[in-house]
């Protein structure tokens, strides 16, 4: 018998003689994972399964749920207010997300030019992302765009009669879009980190070839920044679709005026906790989850055509 065969045989014997079950390091690892596992099964997976069941029932939070099959989904798709919420949410997403990302990219480009005190500017621009989703900021925003708000007082200096922006169905949604755009700090920080990773040698070579700043941005900065753009795009679309606080506070929970700020999540909340139609609300939640999954999948599938990396590869 060769030496290699004897070594392999000894390895087999050692493996077979090991005690079955978890080793001590594995048990320690699971012990540290235990809080997360309890939270996942108790606060995520369990409620998800419960809401899936409730979506096929009639449940008012007071009486036991009664199985109704697909009735909730049929009523949902026949509900005009439901489609109003879908329209408002999609309008919000398709306007707020691009404007926010453009603002974040422009500020990141400015901060990437080697300004003094970049850390201070970065902090100042990031703060709205931390505060923008709070009730206090939503209340401030409501007063800011009110009939006697600061915006109208500013317009009065130019003899312009302002509107009651949040009370006008033609403008109410756009005040929330401005609020969302103002919260570009998180995306800006990520863009700035991406810009820092682009090799300066590429810009130096382009400058030697006579390329202008604009051409450098088009042919160097933008292509190499597409992975960061893709990441921010996915995150902001998901976040925007789930927006709730600003609409709830500005419209005082009604989604008004005339459903102009009736976000999908706000209507879901109304159905579940104002009208006690928890089955209907659960069906809305699952449709939202499926739509988010489809949108995310489409973004990942199409990203191979426009997301590039420094080595020339694609996603």
C-alpha atoms as a PDB file:
ATOM      1  CA  UNK A   1       0.000   0.000   0.000  1.00  0.00           C
ATOM      2  CA  UNK A   2       1.374   3.409  -0.983  1.00  0.00           C
ATOM      3  CA  UNK A   3       1.951   6.239   1.486  1.00  0.00           C
ATOM      4  CA  UNK A   4      -0.760   8.380  -0.211  1.00  0.00           C
ATOM      5  CA  UNK A   5      -3.304   5.569   0.129  1.00  0.00           C
ATOM      6  CA  UNK A   6      -2.418   5.088   3.802  1.00  0.00           C
ATOM      7  CA  UNK A   7      -2.883   8.842   4.450  1.00  0.00           C
ATOM      8  CA  UNK A   8      -6.275   8.829   2.711  1.00  0.00           C
ATOM      9  CA  UNK A   9      -7.302   5.784   4.755  1.00  0.00           C
ATOM     10  CA  UNK A  10      -6.290   7.470   8.006  1.00  0.00           C
ATOM     11  CA  UNK A  11      -8.341  10.551   7.028  1.00  0.00           C
ATOM     12  CA  UNK A  12     -11.396   8.365   6.428  1.00  0.00           C
ATOM     13  CA  UNK A  13     -10.936   6.649   9.791  1.00  0.00           C
ATOM     14  CA  UNK A  14     -10.594   9.984  11.591  1.00  0.00           C
ATOM     15  CA  UNK A  15     -13.698  11.402   9.914  1.00  0.00           C
ATOM     16  CA  UNK A  16     -15.753   8.290  10.676  1.00  0.00           C
ATOM     17  CA  UNK A  17     -14.687   8.281  14.315  1.00  0.00           C
ATOM     18  CA  UNK A  18     -15.718  11.875  14.919  1.00  0.00           C
ATOM     19  CA  UNK A  19     -18.711  12.350  17.130  1.00  0.00           C
ATOM     20  CA  UNK A  20     -21.926  13.078  15.303  1.00  0.00           C
ATOM     21  CA  UNK A  21     -23.715  16.366  15.965  1.00  0.00           C
ATOM     22  CA  UNK A  22     -22.695  20.006  16.121  1.00  0.00           C
ATOM     23  CA  UNK A  23     -19.198  20.974  17.129  1.00  0.00           C
ATOM     24  CA  UNK A  24     -18.647  23.563  19.831  1.00  0.00           C
ATOM     25  CA  UNK A  25     -17.792  26.403  17.391  1.00  0.00           C
ATOM     26  CA  UNK A  26     -20.970  25.629  15.421  1.00  0.00           C
ATOM     27  CA  UNK A  27     -23.094  25.743  18.564  1.00  0.00           C
ATOM     28  CA  UNK A  28     -21.509  29.048  19.542  1.00  0.00           C
ATOM     29  CA  UNK A  29     -22.233  30.424  16.062  1.00  0.00           C
ATOM     30  CA  UNK A  30     -25.900  29.397  16.286  1.00  0.00           C
ATOM     31  CA  UNK A  31     -26.068  30.916  19.768  1.00  0.00           C
ATOM     32  CA  UNK A  32     -24.998  34.283  18.379  1.00  0.00           C
ATOM     33  CA  UNK A  33     -27.455  33.870  15.486  1.00  0.00           C
ATOM     34  CA  UNK A  34     -30.304  33.000  17.835  1.00  0.00           C
ATOM     35  CA  UNK A  35     -31.592  36.598  18.339  1.00  0.00           C
ATOM     36  CA  UNK A  36     -31.704  37.098  14.569  1.00  0.00           C
ATOM     37  CA  UNK A  37     -33.385  33.731  14.001  1.00  0.00           C
ATOM     38  CA  UNK A  38     -36.034  34.524  16.633  1.00  0.00           C
ATOM     39  CA  UNK A  39     -36.634  37.905  15.026  1.00  0.00           C
ATOM     40  CA  UNK A  40     -36.787  36.437  11.525  1.00  0.00           C
ATOM     41  CA  UNK A  41     -39.242  33.648  12.311  1.00  0.00           C
ATOM     42  CA  UNK A  42     -41.238  35.610  14.882  1.00  0.00           C
ATOM     43  CA  UNK A  43     -41.323  39.075  13.314  1.00  0.00           C
ATOM     44  CA  UNK A  44     -40.834  38.450   9.578  1.00  0.00           C
ATOM     45  CA  UNK A  45     -41.653  34.969   8.326  1.00  0.00           C
ATOM     46  CA  UNK A  46     -44.489  34.321  10.784  1.00  0.00           C
ATOM     47  CA  UNK A  47     -46.371  37.568  10.052  1.00  0.00           C
ATOM     48  CA  UNK A  48     -45.836  37.064   6.312  1.00  0.00           C
ATOM     49  CA  UNK A  49     -47.470  33.628   6.414  1.00  0.00           C
ATOM     50  CA  UNK A  50     -50.285  35.007   8.567  1.00  0.00           C
ATOM     51  CA  UNK A  51     -50.907  37.912   6.190  1.00  0.00           C
ATOM     52  CA  UNK A  52     -50.962  35.517   3.223  1.00  0.00           C
ATOM     53  CA  UNK A  53     -53.673  33.512   4.945  1.00  0.00           C
ATOM     54  CA  UNK A  54     -55.587  36.652   5.944  1.00  0.00           C
ATOM     55  CA  UNK A  55     -55.541  37.888   2.345  1.00  0.00           C
ATOM     56  CA  UNK A  56     -57.983  35.079   1.551  1.00  0.00           C
ATOM     57  CA  UNK A  57     -60.251  35.848   4.489  1.00  0.00           C
ATOM     58  CA  UNK A  58     -62.647  38.476   5.761  1.00  0.00           C
ATOM     59  CA  UNK A  59     -61.148  39.733   9.003  1.00  0.00           C
ATOM     60  CA  UNK A  60     -62.092  42.829  10.998  1.00  0.00           C
ATOM     61  CA  UNK A  61     -59.640  42.385  13.912  1.00  0.00           C
ATOM     62  CA  UNK A  62     -62.584  41.734  16.255  1.00  0.00           C
ATOM     63  CA  UNK A  63     -64.087  38.500  14.950  1.00  0.00           C
ATOM     64  CA  UNK A  64     -62.401  35.300  13.760  1.00  0.00           C
ATOM     65  CA  UNK A  65     -61.323  35.420  10.083  1.00  0.00           C
ATOM     66  CA  UNK A  66     -63.716  33.845   7.580  1.00  0.00           C
ATOM     67  CA  UNK A  67     -62.391  32.243   4.402  1.00  0.00           C
ATOM     68  CA  UNK A  68     -63.562  34.074   1.257  1.00  0.00           C
ATOM     69  CA  UNK A  69     -61.020  32.866  -1.285  1.00  0.00           C
ATOM     70  CA  UNK A  70     -60.098  35.426  -3.946  1.00  0.00           C
ATOM     71  CA  UNK A  71     -62.893  37.829  -3.004  1.00  0.00           C
ATOM     72  CA  UNK A  72     -60.498  40.409  -1.543  1.00  0.00           C
ATOM     73  CA  UNK A  73     -58.433  40.468  -4.712  1.00  0.00           C
ATOM     74  CA  UNK A  74     -61.537  40.836  -6.893  1.00  0.00           C
ATOM     75  CA  UNK A  75     -62.793  43.747  -4.781  1.00  0.00           C
ATOM     76  CA  UNK A  76     -59.363  45.319  -4.770  1.00  0.00           C
ATOM     77  CA  UNK A  77     -58.985  45.346  -8.550  1.00  0.00           C
ATOM     78  CA  UNK A  78     -62.546  46.718  -8.900  1.00  0.00           C
ATOM     79  CA  UNK A  79     -61.946  49.514  -6.366  1.00  0.00           C
ATOM     80  CA  UNK A  80     -61.451  52.954  -7.975  1.00  0.00           C
ATOM     81  CA  UNK A  81     -59.650  54.290  -4.887  1.00  0.00           C
ATOM     82  CA  UNK A  82     -57.188  51.425  -5.157  1.00  0.00           C
ATOM     83  CA  UNK A  83     -56.298  52.425  -8.695  1.00  0.00           C
ATOM     84  CA  UNK A  84     -56.039  56.056  -7.584  1.00  0.00           C
ATOM     85  CA  UNK A  85     -53.435  54.977  -5.036  1.00  0.00           C
ATOM     86  CA  UNK A  86     -51.545  53.028  -7.703  1.00  0.00           C
ATOM     87  CA  UNK A  87     -51.552  56.037 -10.038  1.00  0.00           C
ATOM     88  CA  UNK A  88     -50.402  58.439  -7.315  1.00  0.00           C
ATOM     89  CA  UNK A  89     -47.632  56.083  -6.160  1.00  0.00           C
ATOM     90  CA  UNK A  90     -46.297  55.434  -9.665  1.00  0.00           C
ATOM     91  CA  UNK A  91     -46.352  59.157 -10.465  1.00  0.00           C
ATOM     92  CA  UNK A  92     -44.429  59.808  -7.274  1.00  0.00           C
ATOM     93  CA  UNK A  93     -41.866  57.106  -8.035  1.00  0.00           C
ATOM     94  CA  UNK A  94     -41.266  58.039 -11.687  1.00  0.00           C
ATOM     95  CA  UNK A  95     -40.714  61.714 -10.836  1.00  0.00           C
ATOM     96  CA  UNK A  96     -39.158  61.659  -7.363  1.00  0.00           C
ATOM     97  CA  UNK A  97     -36.587  58.904  -7.957  1.00  0.00           C
ATOM     98  CA  UNK A  98     -34.912  60.412 -11.068  1.00  0.00           C
ATOM     99  CA  UNK A  99     -34.886  63.951  -9.647  1.00  0.00           C
ATOM    100  CA  UNK A 100     -33.442  62.713  -6.369  1.00  0.00           C
ATOM    101  CA  UNK A 101     -30.704  60.699  -8.073  1.00  0.00           C
ATOM    102  CA  UNK A 102     -29.817  63.580 -10.401  1.00  0.00           C
ATOM    103  CA  UNK A 103     -29.576  66.001  -7.472  1.00  0.00           C
ATOM    104  CA  UNK A 104     -27.474  63.495  -5.514  1.00  0.00           C
ATOM    105  CA  UNK A 105     -25.105  62.955  -8.449  1.00  0.00           C
ATOM    106  CA  UNK A 106     -24.659  66.678  -9.123  1.00  0.00           C
ATOM    107  CA  UNK A 107     -23.821  67.422  -5.493  1.00  0.00           C
ATOM    108  CA  UNK A 108     -21.480  64.427  -5.351  1.00  0.00           C
ATOM    109  CA  UNK A 109     -19.647  65.699  -8.431  1.00  0.00           C
ATOM    110  CA  UNK A 110     -19.221  69.099  -6.776  1.00  0.00           C
ATOM    111  CA  UNK A 111     -17.930  67.594  -3.536  1.00  0.00           C
ATOM    112  CA  UNK A 112     -15.539  65.367  -5.475  1.00  0.00           C
ATOM    113  CA  UNK A 113     -13.633  68.378  -6.804  1.00  0.00           C
ATOM    114  CA  UNK A 114     -11.462  68.574  -3.709  1.00  0.00           C
ATOM    115  CA  UNK A 115     -13.267  71.323  -1.824  1.00  0.00           C
ATOM    116  CA  UNK A 116     -12.063  72.232   1.617  1.00  0.00           C
ATOM    117  CA  UNK A 117     -14.266  70.978   4.428  1.00  0.00           C
ATOM    118  CA  UNK A 118     -15.826  68.202   2.346  1.00  0.00           C
ATOM    119  CA  UNK A 119     -16.684  66.296   5.517  1.00  0.00           C
ATOM    120  CA  UNK A 120     -18.810  69.180   6.785  1.00  0.00           C
ATOM    121  CA  UNK A 121     -20.655  69.545   3.472  1.00  0.00           C
ATOM    122  CA  UNK A 122     -21.211  65.807   3.300  1.00  0.00           C
ATOM    123  CA  UNK A 123     -22.721  65.815   6.788  1.00  0.00           C
ATOM    124  CA  UNK A 124     -24.955  68.799   6.039  1.00  0.00           C
ATOM    125  CA  UNK A 125     -26.312  67.214   2.879  1.00  0.00           C
ATOM    126  CA  UNK A 126     -26.781  63.843   4.578  1.00  0.00           C
ATOM    127  CA  UNK A 127     -28.840  65.148   7.514  1.00  0.00           C
ATOM    128  CA  UNK A 128     -32.102  65.497   5.485  1.00  0.00           C
ATOM    129  CA  UNK A 129     -31.947  61.774   4.727  1.00  0.00           C
ATOM    130  CA  UNK A 130     -32.030  61.093   8.455  1.00  0.00           C
ATOM    131  CA  UNK A 131     -34.763  63.606   9.252  1.00  0.00           C
ATOM    132  CA  UNK A 132     -36.842  63.579   6.073  1.00  0.00           C
ATOM    133  CA  UNK A 133     -38.981  60.600   7.049  1.00  0.00           C
ATOM    134  CA  UNK A 134     -39.869  61.976  10.475  1.00  0.00           C
ATOM    135  CA  UNK A 135     -43.257  63.312  11.553  1.00  0.00           C
ATOM    136  CA  UNK A 136     -41.719  66.642  12.568  1.00  0.00           C
ATOM    137  CA  UNK A 137     -40.316  67.298   9.084  1.00  0.00           C
ATOM    138  CA  UNK A 138     -43.637  66.335   7.468  1.00  0.00           C
ATOM    139  CA  UNK A 139     -45.440  68.817   9.737  1.00  0.00           C
ATOM    140  CA  UNK A 140     -42.858  71.467   8.898  1.00  0.00           C
ATOM    141  CA  UNK A 141     -43.315  70.759   5.204  1.00  0.00           C
ATOM    142  CA  UNK A 142     -47.086  71.078   5.526  1.00  0.00           C
ATOM    143  CA  UNK A 143     -46.725  74.496   7.148  1.00  0.00           C
ATOM    144  CA  UNK A 144     -44.021  75.537   4.703  1.00  0.00           C
ATOM    145  CA  UNK A 145     -46.318  75.001   1.709  1.00  0.00           C
ATOM    146  CA  UNK A 146     -49.488  76.137   3.452  1.00  0.00           C
ATOM    147  CA  UNK A 147     -51.502  79.176   2.400  1.00  0.00           C
ATOM    148  CA  UNK A 148     -49.655  81.341   4.933  1.00  0.00           C
ATOM    149  CA  UNK A 149     -46.422  79.378   4.691  1.00  0.00           C
ATOM    150  CA  UNK A 150     -42.901  80.563   4.016  1.00  0.00           C
ATOM    151  CA  UNK A 151     -43.105  79.690   0.309  1.00  0.00           C
ATOM    152  CA  UNK A 152     -46.048  82.023  -0.267  1.00  0.00           C
ATOM    153  CA  UNK A 153     -44.420  84.746   1.818  1.00  0.00           C
ATOM    154  CA  UNK A 154     -41.348  84.487  -0.393  1.00  0.00           C
ATOM    155  CA  UNK A 155     -43.503  84.721  -3.532  1.00  0.00           C
ATOM    156  CA  UNK A 156     -45.287  87.754  -2.076  1.00  0.00           C
ATOM    157  CA  UNK A 157     -42.028  89.738  -2.339  1.00  0.00           C
ATOM    158  CA  UNK A 158     -42.407  89.421  -6.107  1.00  0.00           C
ATOM    159  CA  UNK A 159     -46.136  90.246  -6.010  1.00  0.00           C
ATOM    160  CA  UNK A 160     -47.038  86.658  -6.830  1.00  0.00           C
ATOM    161  CA  UNK A 161     -50.182  85.270  -5.255  1.00  0.00           C
ATOM    162  CA  UNK A 162     -49.299  81.839  -3.917  1.00  0.00           C
ATOM    163  CA  UNK A 163     -51.541  78.805  -3.705  1.00  0.00           C
ATOM    164  CA  UNK A 164     -52.496  76.660  -0.775  1.00  0.00           C
ATOM    165  CA  UNK A 165     -50.095  74.128  -2.235  1.00  0.00           C
ATOM    166  CA  UNK A 166     -50.875  71.158   0.011  1.00  0.00           C
ATOM    167  CA  UNK A 167     -54.630  71.819  -0.249  1.00  0.00           C
ATOM    168  CA  UNK A 168     -54.657  72.011  -4.039  1.00  0.00           C
ATOM    169  CA  UNK A 169     -55.036  68.625  -5.793  1.00  0.00           C
ATOM    170  CA  UNK A 170     -52.989  69.909  -8.736  1.00  0.00           C
ATOM    171  CA  UNK A 171     -49.922  70.648  -6.589  1.00  0.00           C
ATOM    172  CA  UNK A 172     -50.188  68.589  -3.383  1.00  0.00           C
ATOM    173  CA  UNK A 173     -48.327  65.564  -4.743  1.00  0.00           C
ATOM    174  CA  UNK A 174     -45.503  67.720  -6.084  1.00  0.00           C
ATOM    175  CA  UNK A 175     -44.836  69.155  -2.624  1.00  0.00           C
ATOM    176  CA  UNK A 176     -44.188  65.575  -1.480  1.00  0.00           C
ATOM    177  CA  UNK A 177     -41.958  64.996  -4.508  1.00  0.00           C
ATOM    178  CA  UNK A 178     -39.903  68.043  -3.515  1.00  0.00           C
ATOM    179  CA  UNK A 179     -39.651  66.651   0.012  1.00  0.00           C
ATOM    180  CA  UNK A 180     -38.417  63.315  -1.339  1.00  0.00           C
ATOM    181  CA  UNK A 181     -35.897  65.035  -3.618  1.00  0.00           C
ATOM    182  CA  UNK A 182     -34.593  67.036  -0.651  1.00  0.00           C
ATOM    183  CA  UNK A 183     -33.661  63.718   0.992  1.00  0.00           C
ATOM    184  CA  UNK A 184     -30.907  62.933  -1.524  1.00  0.00           C
ATOM    185  CA  UNK A 185     -28.138  62.754   1.093  1.00  0.00           C
ATOM    186  CA  UNK A 186     -27.871  58.972   1.361  1.00  0.00           C
ATOM    187  CA  UNK A 187     -27.607  58.523  -2.403  1.00  0.00           C
ATOM    188  CA  UNK A 188     -25.128  61.416  -2.570  1.00  0.00           C
ATOM    189  CA  UNK A 189     -22.793  59.754  -0.075  1.00  0.00           C
ATOM    190  CA  UNK A 190     -22.866  56.515  -2.074  1.00  0.00           C
ATOM    191  CA  UNK A 191     -22.235  58.393  -5.325  1.00  0.00           C
ATOM    192  CA  UNK A 192     -19.311  60.219  -3.719  1.00  0.00           C
ATOM    193  CA  UNK A 193     -17.813  56.914  -2.579  1.00  0.00           C
ATOM    194  CA  UNK A 194     -18.169  55.586  -6.125  1.00  0.00           C
ATOM    195  CA  UNK A 195     -16.491  58.653  -7.601  1.00  0.00           C
ATOM    196  CA  UNK A 196     -13.545  58.211  -5.239  1.00  0.00           C
ATOM    197  CA  UNK A 197     -12.971  54.708  -6.659  1.00  0.00           C
ATOM    198  CA  UNK A 198     -12.510  55.877 -10.262  1.00  0.00           C
ATOM    199  CA  UNK A 199      -8.760  55.950 -11.086  1.00  0.00           C
ATOM    200  CA  UNK A 200      -7.427  59.455 -11.732  1.00  0.00           C
ATOM    201  CA  UNK A 201      -5.100  58.031 -14.364  1.00  0.00           C
ATOM    202  CA  UNK A 202      -8.076  57.640 -16.702  1.00  0.00           C
ATOM    203  CA  UNK A 203      -8.870  61.348 -16.464  1.00  0.00           C
ATOM    204  CA  UNK A 204      -5.217  62.257 -16.962  1.00  0.00           C
ATOM    205  CA  UNK A 205      -5.026  60.121 -20.098  1.00  0.00           C
ATOM    206  CA  UNK A 206      -8.258  61.638 -21.418  1.00  0.00           C
ATOM    207  CA  UNK A 207      -6.975  65.171 -20.735  1.00  0.00           C
ATOM    208  CA  UNK A 208      -3.786  64.421 -22.664  1.00  0.00           C
ATOM    209  CA  UNK A 209      -5.943  63.300 -25.597  1.00  0.00           C
ATOM    210  CA  UNK A 210      -7.790  66.615 -25.447  1.00  0.00           C
ATOM    211  CA  UNK A 211     -11.090  65.356 -24.022  1.00  0.00           C
ATOM    212  CA  UNK A 212     -13.251  68.043 -22.398  1.00  0.00           C
ATOM    213  CA  UNK A 213     -14.752  67.707 -18.916  1.00  0.00           C
ATOM    214  CA  UNK A 214     -18.095  66.833 -20.448  1.00  0.00           C
ATOM    215  CA  UNK A 215     -16.608  64.080 -22.601  1.00  0.00           C
ATOM    216  CA  UNK A 216     -14.693  62.763 -19.597  1.00  0.00           C
ATOM    217  CA  UNK A 217     -17.977  62.525 -17.704  1.00  0.00           C
ATOM    218  CA  UNK A 218     -19.766  60.788 -20.594  1.00  0.00           C
ATOM    219  CA  UNK A 219     -17.012  58.307 -21.452  1.00  0.00           C
ATOM    220  CA  UNK A 220     -15.334  57.720 -18.055  1.00  0.00           C
ATOM    221  CA  UNK A 221     -17.336  58.879 -15.049  1.00  0.00           C
ATOM    222  CA  UNK A 222     -20.801  57.752 -16.063  1.00  0.00           C
ATOM    223  CA  UNK A 223     -19.884  54.244 -17.342  1.00  0.00           C
ATOM    224  CA  UNK A 224     -17.762  53.463 -14.285  1.00  0.00           C
ATOM    225  CA  UNK A 225     -20.453  54.861 -11.998  1.00  0.00           C
ATOM    226  CA  UNK A 226     -23.270  52.718 -13.430  1.00  0.00           C
ATOM    227  CA  UNK A 227     -22.941  50.016 -10.714  1.00  0.00           C
ATOM    228  CA  UNK A 228     -23.501  52.709  -8.079  1.00  0.00           C
ATOM    229  CA  UNK A 229     -26.355  54.225 -10.107  1.00  0.00           C
ATOM    230  CA  UNK A 230     -27.944  50.793 -10.360  1.00  0.00           C
ATOM    231  CA  UNK A 231     -27.668  50.233  -6.612  1.00  0.00           C
ATOM    232  CA  UNK A 232     -29.149  53.636  -5.768  1.00  0.00           C
ATOM    233  CA  UNK A 233     -31.904  53.160  -8.340  1.00  0.00           C
ATOM    234  CA  UNK A 234     -33.070  49.862  -6.846  1.00  0.00           C
ATOM    235  CA  UNK A 235     -32.942  51.156  -3.272  1.00  0.00           C
ATOM    236  CA  UNK A 236     -34.762  54.413  -4.040  1.00  0.00           C
ATOM    237  CA  UNK A 237     -37.512  52.745  -6.075  1.00  0.00           C
ATOM    238  CA  UNK A 238     -38.259  50.347  -3.223  1.00  0.00           C
ATOM    239  CA  UNK A 239     -38.127  53.142  -0.657  1.00  0.00           C
ATOM    240  CA  UNK A 240     -40.337  55.456  -2.726  1.00  0.00           C
ATOM    241  CA  UNK A 241     -43.005  52.825  -3.315  1.00  0.00           C
ATOM    242  CA  UNK A 242     -43.133  52.248   0.445  1.00  0.00           C
ATOM    243  CA  UNK A 243     -43.416  55.970   1.307  1.00  0.00           C
ATOM    244  CA  UNK A 244     -46.037  56.622   3.945  1.00  0.00           C
ATOM    245  CA  UNK A 245     -45.237  59.226   6.609  1.00  0.00           C
ATOM    246  CA  UNK A 246     -45.182  62.342   4.426  1.00  0.00           C
ATOM    247  CA  UNK A 247     -48.521  61.548   2.809  1.00  0.00           C
ATOM    248  CA  UNK A 248     -50.135  60.588   6.095  1.00  0.00           C
ATOM    249  CA  UNK A 249     -49.075  63.767   7.905  1.00  0.00           C
ATOM    250  CA  UNK A 250     -49.582  66.273   5.089  1.00  0.00           C
ATOM    251  CA  UNK A 251     -53.044  64.922   4.199  1.00  0.00           C
ATOM    252  CA  UNK A 252     -53.917  64.159   7.838  1.00  0.00           C
ATOM    253  CA  UNK A 253     -54.409  60.503   6.952  1.00  0.00           C
ATOM    254  CA  UNK A 254     -56.987  61.096   4.234  1.00  0.00           C
ATOM    255  CA  UNK A 255     -54.814  61.005   1.122  1.00  0.00           C
ATOM    256  CA  UNK A 256     -56.482  64.221  -0.011  1.00  0.00           C
ATOM    257  CA  UNK A 257     -57.302  66.500  -1.501  1.00  0.00           C
ATOM    258  CA  UNK A 258     -59.332  64.297  -3.868  1.00  0.00           C
ATOM    259  CA  UNK A 259     -56.961  61.338  -3.411  1.00  0.00           C
ATOM    260  CA  UNK A 260     -54.095  63.385  -4.895  1.00  0.00           C
ATOM    261  CA  UNK A 261     -51.680  62.190  -2.175  1.00  0.00           C
ATOM    262  CA  UNK A 262     -53.218  58.762  -1.583  1.00  0.00           C
ATOM    263  CA  UNK A 263     -50.094  56.630  -1.587  1.00  0.00           C
ATOM    264  CA  UNK A 264     -50.476  52.866  -1.889  1.00  0.00           C
ATOM    265  CA  UNK A 265     -49.222  52.283   1.643  1.00  0.00           C
ATOM    266  CA  UNK A 266     -51.546  54.955   3.021  1.00  0.00           C
ATOM    267  CA  UNK A 267     -54.582  53.316   1.415  1.00  0.00           C
ATOM    268  CA  UNK A 268     -53.383  49.961   2.753  1.00  0.00           C
ATOM    269  CA  UNK A 269     -53.210  51.509   6.227  1.00  0.00           C
ATOM    270  CA  UNK A 270     -56.688  52.994   5.863  1.00  0.00           C
ATOM    271  CA  UNK A 271     -58.191  49.677   4.865  1.00  0.00           C
ATOM    272  CA  UNK A 272     -56.496  47.782   7.644  1.00  0.00           C
ATOM    273  CA  UNK A 273     -56.700  50.145  10.609  1.00  0.00           C
ATOM    274  CA  UNK A 274     -59.384  52.707   9.739  1.00  0.00           C
ATOM    275  CA  UNK A 275     -61.976  50.476   8.074  1.00  0.00           C
ATOM    276  CA  UNK A 276     -60.852  47.251   9.831  1.00  0.00           C
ATOM    277  CA  UNK A 277     -60.691  45.342   6.541  1.00  0.00           C
ATOM    278  CA  UNK A 278     -57.520  43.477   7.404  1.00  0.00           C
ATOM    279  CA  UNK A 279     -58.091  40.815   4.754  1.00  0.00           C
ATOM    280  CA  UNK A 280     -58.298  43.481   2.049  1.00  0.00           C
ATOM    281  CA  UNK A 281     -55.192  45.193   3.446  1.00  0.00           C
ATOM    282  CA  UNK A 282     -53.285  41.892   3.469  1.00  0.00           C
ATOM    283  CA  UNK A 283     -54.147  41.273  -0.173  1.00  0.00           C
ATOM    284  CA  UNK A 284     -52.853  44.767  -1.004  1.00  0.00           C
ATOM    285  CA  UNK A 285     -49.625  44.017   0.860  1.00  0.00           C
ATOM    286  CA  UNK A 286     -49.025  40.828  -1.112  1.00  0.00           C
ATOM    287  CA  UNK A 287     -49.720  42.521  -4.441  1.00  0.00           C
ATOM    288  CA  UNK A 288     -47.204  45.197  -3.418  1.00  0.00           C
ATOM    289  CA  UNK A 289     -44.621  42.529  -2.561  1.00  0.00           C
ATOM    290  CA  UNK A 290     -45.130  40.775  -5.910  1.00  0.00           C
ATOM    291  CA  UNK A 291     -44.895  44.037  -7.873  1.00  0.00           C
ATOM    292  CA  UNK A 292     -41.715  45.034  -6.035  1.00  0.00           C
ATOM    293  CA  UNK A 293     -40.243  41.611  -6.780  1.00  0.00           C
ATOM    294  CA  UNK A 294     -41.101  41.909 -10.481  1.00  0.00           C
ATOM    295  CA  UNK A 295     -39.720  45.445 -10.741  1.00  0.00           C
ATOM    296  CA  UNK A 296     -36.496  44.442  -9.011  1.00  0.00           C
ATOM    297  CA  UNK A 297     -36.135  41.389 -11.263  1.00  0.00           C
ATOM    298  CA  UNK A 298     -36.658  43.531 -14.382  1.00  0.00           C
ATOM    299  CA  UNK A 299     -33.994  45.962 -13.188  1.00  0.00           C
ATOM    300  CA  UNK A 300     -31.504  43.144 -12.618  1.00  0.00           C
ATOM    301  CA  UNK A 301     -32.279  41.541 -15.992  1.00  0.00           C
ATOM    302  CA  UNK A 302     -31.968  44.792 -17.939  1.00  0.00           C
ATOM    303  CA  UNK A 303     -28.887  45.936 -16.011  1.00  0.00           C
ATOM    304  CA  UNK A 304     -26.654  43.737 -18.154  1.00  0.00           C
ATOM    305  CA  UNK A 305     -27.213  46.166 -21.004  1.00  0.00           C
ATOM    306  CA  UNK A 306     -26.095  49.322 -19.199  1.00  0.00           C
ATOM    307  CA  UNK A 307     -24.166  48.469 -16.001  1.00  0.00           C
ATOM    308  CA  UNK A 308     -20.412  48.340 -16.680  1.00  0.00           C
ATOM    309  CA  UNK A 309     -17.294  47.789 -14.618  1.00  0.00           C
ATOM    310  CA  UNK A 310     -13.741  49.089 -14.879  1.00  0.00           C
ATOM    311  CA  UNK A 311     -12.486  45.797 -16.333  1.00  0.00           C
ATOM    312  CA  UNK A 312     -14.997  46.037 -19.172  1.00  0.00           C
ATOM    313  CA  UNK A 313     -17.332  43.423 -17.759  1.00  0.00           C
ATOM    314  CA  UNK A 314     -21.043  43.726 -17.186  1.00  0.00           C
ATOM    315  CA  UNK A 315     -23.358  42.785 -14.351  1.00  0.00           C
END
